[in-house]
Amino acid sequence: MAGATTAKRDADRRRSEAGPPSPRRPRRLRWLPGRRLPVVLAVLAVALGGFGGWALYGSDWLRIERVSVRWRDEGPRNLTEDQVLAAAGVPLGSPMISLDKDAIRDRLLDQLPRLESVEVVRAWPHGVGLRLTEREAEMLIPNGNGYTEVDDGGLAFAETAEPIDGVPLLRLEVEDGPGLRRFGEEGIRREAVTVTLSLPDDVRDDLELVRVSSYDGVTLELTGDRTVTWGSAEEPEAKARALAAVMETAGDARYFDVSAPTVPAVSGG
């Protein structure tokens, strides 16, 4: 027993002299498949992004090769396709992704006042579509070279050398005054168009001329040498109903006054 105890004391003394044991180095972790996946995905994302950018901007795959023009309704078609294409200035050969649709639309509306609306669409992979609506003349203002076309908003948008069947004339005989300064010529034209659009179809078919001497001085001249005193452009629906009623009861009259629609008047015949 003594020998064993002595040996144990010698072992304890050697450990004490040697000092505390050195810390164990951590084991290096091996890369596992789950740790590699985010890196692989990041590399793929960068590669795909670079390829996508090259395909959209640098390759010949997605470039503009053709432009189509289409009218969206059965309205007037005074413009030619060549006029539209020249004004649009679509950059053939450029990347589809870089197409500035707003700039093309603005150029068309600015250079071709006949156009009421324009839609520019990408027709992947190589086409651009232009969808158009032209303004329609509701009235014609005679001028020295022909006629100025006026749309349903009172906008004078184009010139024509010949009258248009079924479109009445508008004569503005407004002198400078409070009405003209307040509403402007376009505002007065707009009110005149409002009057014509409110007329019953059979009356509008017979309308030849709208004469405007002031904001509240609108007169209609119909076929058969008939005249309608309309007054202002206010209460157009009530005046249209009154005119239809008196024309039905006094169809052979030549003068109609609906400026006060609750008390219409007729004369002549």
Protein backbone atom coordinates (compact mmCIF):
# COMPACT_ATOMS: atom_id res chain seq x y z
CA MET A 1 0.00 0.00 0.00
CA ALA A 2 2.82 2.37 0.77
CA GLY A 3 4.37 1.83 -2.61
CA ALA A 4 1.13 2.59 -4.39
CA THR A 5 0.59 5.70 -2.33
CA THR A 6 4.08 6.94 -3.04
CA ALA A 7 3.60 6.36 -6.76
CA LYS A 8 0.33 8.34 -6.69
CA ARG A 9 1.98 11.21 -4.88
CA ASP A 10 4.78 11.25 -7.47
CA ALA A 11 2.22 11.36 -10.30
CA ASP A 12 0.29 14.21 -8.65
CA ARG A 13 3.54 16.15 -8.16
CA ARG A 14 4.47 15.79 -11.83
CA ARG A 15 1.04 17.00 -12.95
CA SER A 16 1.29 19.96 -10.62
CA GLU A 17 4.70 20.91 -11.93
CA ALA A 18 3.53 20.53 -15.53
CA GLY A 19 0.71 23.09 -15.00
CA PRO A 20 -2.87 22.99 -16.26
CA PRO A 21 -3.57 20.92 -19.39
CA SER A 22 -3.49 22.74 -22.74
CA PRO A 23 -6.95 23.51 -24.25
CA ARG A 24 -7.98 21.16 -27.01
CA ARG A 25 -8.08 22.66 -30.48
CA PRO A 26 -11.57 22.76 -31.98
CA ARG A 27 -12.11 20.32 -34.77
CA ARG A 28 -12.47 21.87 -38.24
CA LEU A 29 -16.00 21.38 -39.50
CA ARG A 30 -16.36 19.86 -42.86
CA TRP A 31 -18.58 21.59 -45.50
CA LEU A 32 -21.91 19.89 -45.67
CA PRO A 33 -24.31 19.98 -48.68
CA GLY A 34 -26.73 22.26 -46.83
CA ARG A 35 -23.97 24.86 -46.32
CA ARG A 36 -23.05 24.87 -49.99
CA LEU A 37 -26.61 25.52 -51.26
CA PRO A 38 -26.84 29.29 -50.50
CA VAL A 39 -23.53 29.89 -52.22
CA VAL A 40 -24.59 27.89 -55.27
CA LEU A 41 -27.92 29.76 -55.45
CA ALA A 42 -26.16 33.13 -55.19
CA VAL A 43 -23.80 32.22 -58.03
CA LEU A 44 -26.71 31.05 -60.17
CA ALA A 45 -28.66 34.25 -59.47
CA VAL A 46 -25.74 36.40 -60.56
CA ALA A 47 -25.25 34.30 -63.68
CA LEU A 48 -28.93 34.38 -64.61
CA GLY A 49 -29.12 38.12 -63.96
CA GLY A 50 -26.16 38.73 -66.21
CA PHE A 51 -27.62 36.53 -68.92
CA GLY A 52 -31.02 38.24 -68.63
CA GLY A 53 -29.46 41.69 -68.93
CA TRP A 54 -27.48 40.59 -71.96
CA ALA A 55 -30.58 39.03 -73.55
CA LEU A 56 -32.65 42.18 -73.02
CA TYR A 57 -30.05 44.78 -73.98
CA GLY A 58 -27.10 43.18 -75.75
CA SER A 59 -28.43 40.33 -77.85
CA ASP A 60 -30.29 40.39 -81.16
CA TRP A 61 -33.11 38.26 -79.81
CA LEU A 62 -35.43 40.96 -78.40
CA ARG A 63 -35.05 43.93 -80.71
CA ILE A 64 -37.69 45.99 -82.49
CA GLU A 65 -38.15 44.77 -86.04
CA ARG A 66 -41.65 45.90 -87.05
CA VAL A 67 -44.37 48.41 -86.13
CA SER A 68 -48.08 47.84 -86.73
CA VAL A 69 -50.78 50.53 -86.89
CA ARG A 70 -54.39 49.83 -86.02
CA TRP A 71 -57.42 52.07 -85.56
CA ARG A 72 -59.46 51.06 -82.50
CA ASP A 73 -62.95 51.90 -83.77
CA GLU A 74 -64.97 52.46 -86.91
CA GLY A 75 -64.59 56.23 -86.80
CA PRO A 76 -62.80 58.46 -89.32
CA ARG A 77 -59.49 57.40 -90.82
CA ASN A 78 -58.03 60.45 -92.45
CA LEU A 79 -54.43 59.71 -91.49
CA THR A 80 -52.35 57.26 -93.46
CA GLU A 81 -50.17 54.56 -91.96
CA ASP A 82 -47.08 56.25 -93.39
CA GLN A 83 -47.97 59.52 -91.64
CA VAL A 84 -48.41 57.70 -88.34
CA LEU A 85 -45.13 55.78 -88.63
CA ALA A 86 -43.18 58.91 -89.57
CA ALA A 87 -44.55 60.85 -86.59
CA ALA A 88 -44.09 57.95 -84.15
CA GLY A 89 -40.37 57.58 -84.87
CA VAL A 90 -40.16 54.09 -83.33
CA PRO A 91 -36.41 53.21 -83.21
CA LEU A 92 -36.14 50.00 -85.25
CA GLY A 93 -33.28 47.77 -84.18
CA SER A 94 -33.20 49.02 -80.60
CA PRO A 95 -33.87 46.72 -77.61
CA MET A 96 -37.55 46.13 -76.90
CA ILE A 97 -36.98 46.75 -73.19
CA SER A 98 -35.73 50.29 -73.85
CA LEU A 99 -38.85 51.34 -75.81
CA ASP A 100 -40.15 54.68 -74.45
CA LYS A 101 -43.89 54.30 -74.95
CA ASP A 102 -44.76 57.67 -73.41
CA ALA A 103 -42.39 59.53 -75.72
CA ILE A 104 -43.88 57.86 -78.80
CA ARG A 105 -47.42 58.64 -77.68
CA ASP A 106 -46.55 62.27 -76.98
CA ARG A 107 -44.89 62.68 -80.39
CA LEU A 108 -47.96 61.32 -82.16
CA LEU A 109 -50.41 63.54 -80.29
CA ASP A 110 -48.21 66.58 -80.78
CA GLN A 111 -47.50 66.11 -84.48
CA LEU A 112 -50.90 64.73 -85.52
CA PRO A 113 -53.67 66.80 -83.89
CA ARG A 114 -56.26 64.62 -85.59
CA LEU A 115 -55.45 61.90 -83.07
CA GLU A 116 -57.64 61.85 -79.99
CA SER A 117 -55.88 58.97 -78.22
CA VAL A 118 -52.85 56.72 -78.75
CA GLU A 119 -51.85 53.48 -77.07
CA VAL A 120 -48.35 52.04 -77.58
CA VAL A 121 -47.88 48.35 -76.76
CA ARG A 122 -44.97 45.91 -76.94
CA ALA A 123 -45.73 42.84 -79.06
CA TRP A 124 -42.92 40.54 -77.88
CA PRO A 125 -40.47 39.47 -79.10
CA HIS A 126 -39.97 41.88 -82.03
CA GLY A 127 -43.06 44.06 -82.57
CA VAL A 128 -44.55 47.38 -81.47
CA GLY A 129 -48.26 48.12 -81.85
CA LEU A 130 -49.85 51.56 -82.22
CA ARG A 131 -53.58 51.70 -81.41
CA LEU A 132 -55.21 54.95 -82.55
CA THR A 133 -58.47 56.87 -82.30
CA GLU A 134 -59.01 59.88 -84.55
CA ARG A 135 -61.07 62.91 -83.65
CA GLU A 136 -64.41 63.26 -85.43
CA ALA A 137 -65.70 66.56 -86.76
CA GLU A 138 -68.97 67.68 -85.18
CA MET A 139 -68.95 71.13 -86.77
CA LEU A 140 -67.12 72.95 -89.54
CA ILE A 141 -66.00 76.59 -89.41
CA PRO A 142 -65.61 78.16 -92.87
CA ASN A 143 -62.25 79.83 -93.48
CA GLY A 144 -60.48 81.28 -96.50
CA ASN A 145 -59.05 77.95 -97.63
CA GLY A 146 -61.87 75.58 -96.73
CA TYR A 147 -63.11 74.53 -93.32
CA THR A 148 -61.77 74.05 -89.82
CA GLU A 149 -62.92 70.84 -88.16
CA VAL A 150 -64.20 71.07 -84.58
CA ASP A 151 -64.60 67.99 -82.37
CA ASP A 152 -67.14 67.26 -79.63
CA GLY A 153 -65.04 69.14 -77.09
CA GLY A 154 -64.94 72.35 -79.13
CA LEU A 155 -61.34 71.78 -80.19
CA ALA A 156 -60.39 73.01 -83.67
CA PHE A 157 -58.07 70.21 -84.72
CA ALA A 158 -57.67 70.08 -88.50
CA GLU A 159 -58.42 71.64 -91.87
CA THR A 160 -60.38 70.20 -94.78
CA ALA A 161 -60.82 71.62 -98.26
CA GLU A 162 -64.35 70.29 -98.74
CA PRO A 163 -67.44 70.20 -96.53
CA ILE A 164 -68.28 66.91 -94.83
CA ASP A 165 -71.69 65.38 -95.42
CA GLY A 166 -73.92 65.59 -92.38
CA VAL A 167 -71.66 67.99 -90.47
CA PRO A 168 -73.23 71.44 -89.88
CA LEU A 169 -71.42 74.73 -90.25
CA LEU A 170 -70.57 77.02 -87.34
CA ARG A 171 -70.34 80.77 -87.77
CA LEU A 172 -68.85 82.69 -84.86
CA GLU A 173 -70.00 86.28 -84.98
CA VAL A 174 -68.96 87.10 -81.45
CA GLU A 175 -67.60 90.59 -80.88
CA ASP A 176 -65.03 91.32 -78.23
CA GLY A 177 -66.85 91.63 -74.96
CA PRO A 178 -67.34 90.12 -71.50
CA GLY A 179 -68.63 86.82 -72.89
CA LEU A 180 -65.69 86.29 -75.21
CA ARG A 181 -63.18 87.31 -72.54
CA ARG A 182 -64.82 85.05 -69.97
CA PHE A 183 -65.29 81.89 -72.02
CA GLY A 184 -62.80 82.33 -74.85
CA GLU A 185 -63.37 81.25 -78.43
CA GLU A 186 -62.83 77.58 -77.64
CA GLY A 187 -65.34 77.74 -74.79
CA ILE A 188 -67.95 79.29 -77.07
CA ARG A 189 -67.25 76.64 -79.71
CA ARG A 190 -67.67 73.98 -77.05
CA GLU A 191 -71.06 75.39 -76.03
CA ALA A 192 -72.17 75.45 -79.65
CA VAL A 193 -71.23 71.78 -80.04
CA THR A 194 -73.14 71.00 -76.84
CA VAL A 195 -76.24 72.47 -78.45
CA THR A 196 -75.93 70.38 -81.61
CA LEU A 197 -75.30 67.16 -79.70
CA SER A 198 -78.43 67.71 -77.60
CA LEU A 199 -80.77 67.98 -80.60
CA PRO A 200 -83.17 65.17 -81.51
CA ASP A 201 -81.77 63.04 -84.31
CA ASP A 202 -84.31 64.19 -86.92
CA VAL A 203 -83.64 67.85 -86.10
CA ARG A 204 -79.90 67.34 -86.16
CA ASP A 205 -80.17 65.70 -89.57
CA ASP A 206 -81.79 68.90 -90.84
CA LEU A 207 -79.29 71.24 -89.16
CA GLU A 208 -77.26 73.27 -91.66
CA LEU A 209 -75.79 76.15 -89.66
CA VAL A 210 -75.23 77.21 -86.06
CA ARG A 211 -74.82 80.96 -85.72
CA VAL A 212 -73.32 82.34 -82.49
CA SER A 213 -73.45 86.10 -81.88
CA SER A 214 -72.79 85.89 -78.11
CA TYR A 215 -72.68 83.37 -75.32
CA ASP A 216 -76.49 83.54 -75.00
CA GLY A 217 -77.16 84.28 -78.66
CA VAL A 218 -77.23 80.88 -80.42
CA THR A 219 -79.41 80.46 -83.51
CA LEU A 220 -79.97 77.29 -85.54
CA GLU A 221 -80.75 77.29 -89.26
CA LEU A 222 -82.47 74.18 -90.57
CA THR A 223 -83.39 72.92 -94.00
CA GLY A 224 -86.62 74.33 -95.44
CA ASP A 225 -85.66 77.88 -94.46
CA ARG A 226 -86.51 77.24 -90.80
CA THR A 227 -84.86 79.07 -87.89
CA VAL A 228 -84.62 78.19 -84.20
CA THR A 229 -83.79 80.79 -81.57
CA TRP A 230 -81.94 78.77 -78.96
CA GLY A 231 -80.56 81.45 -76.66
CA SER A 232 -77.73 80.32 -74.39
CA ALA A 233 -76.26 76.85 -74.26
CA GLU A 234 -77.82 76.29 -70.84
CA GLU A 235 -80.63 73.74 -70.33
CA PRO A 236 -79.93 71.95 -73.63
CA GLU A 237 -82.05 68.88 -72.79
CA ALA A 238 -85.09 70.97 -71.81
CA LYS A 239 -84.77 73.09 -74.95
CA ALA A 240 -84.41 70.00 -77.13
CA ARG A 241 -87.61 68.52 -75.66
CA ALA A 242 -89.47 71.81 -76.13
CA LEU A 243 -88.30 72.07 -79.75
CA ALA A 244 -89.38 68.51 -80.52
CA ALA A 245 -92.81 69.20 -78.99
CA VAL A 246 -93.51 72.43 -80.91
CA MET A 247 -92.24 70.96 -84.15
CA GLU A 248 -94.64 68.06 -83.74
CA THR A 249 -97.63 70.35 -83.12
CA ALA A 250 -96.64 73.12 -85.55
CA GLY A 251 -94.51 71.32 -88.11
CA ASP A 252 -95.25 73.85 -90.87
CA ALA A 253 -93.93 76.83 -88.83
CA ARG A 254 -90.75 78.56 -89.93
CA TYR A 255 -89.63 80.20 -86.69
CA PHE A 256 -89.21 78.47 -83.35
CA ASP A 257 -88.08 80.03 -80.09
CA VAL A 258 -87.02 77.77 -77.24
CA SER A 259 -84.74 80.22 -75.45
CA ALA A 260 -87.24 79.92 -72.55
CA PRO A 261 -88.04 76.21 -72.78
CA THR A 262 -91.03 76.35 -70.45
CA VAL A 263 -92.79 78.82 -72.80
CA PRO A 264 -91.67 77.95 -76.37
CA ALA A 265 -93.03 80.02 -79.23
CA VAL A 266 -93.61 79.46 -82.95
CA SER A 267 -94.51 81.70 -85.86
CA GLY A 268 -94.76 81.69 -89.65
CA GLY A 269 -95.94 78.80 -91.73
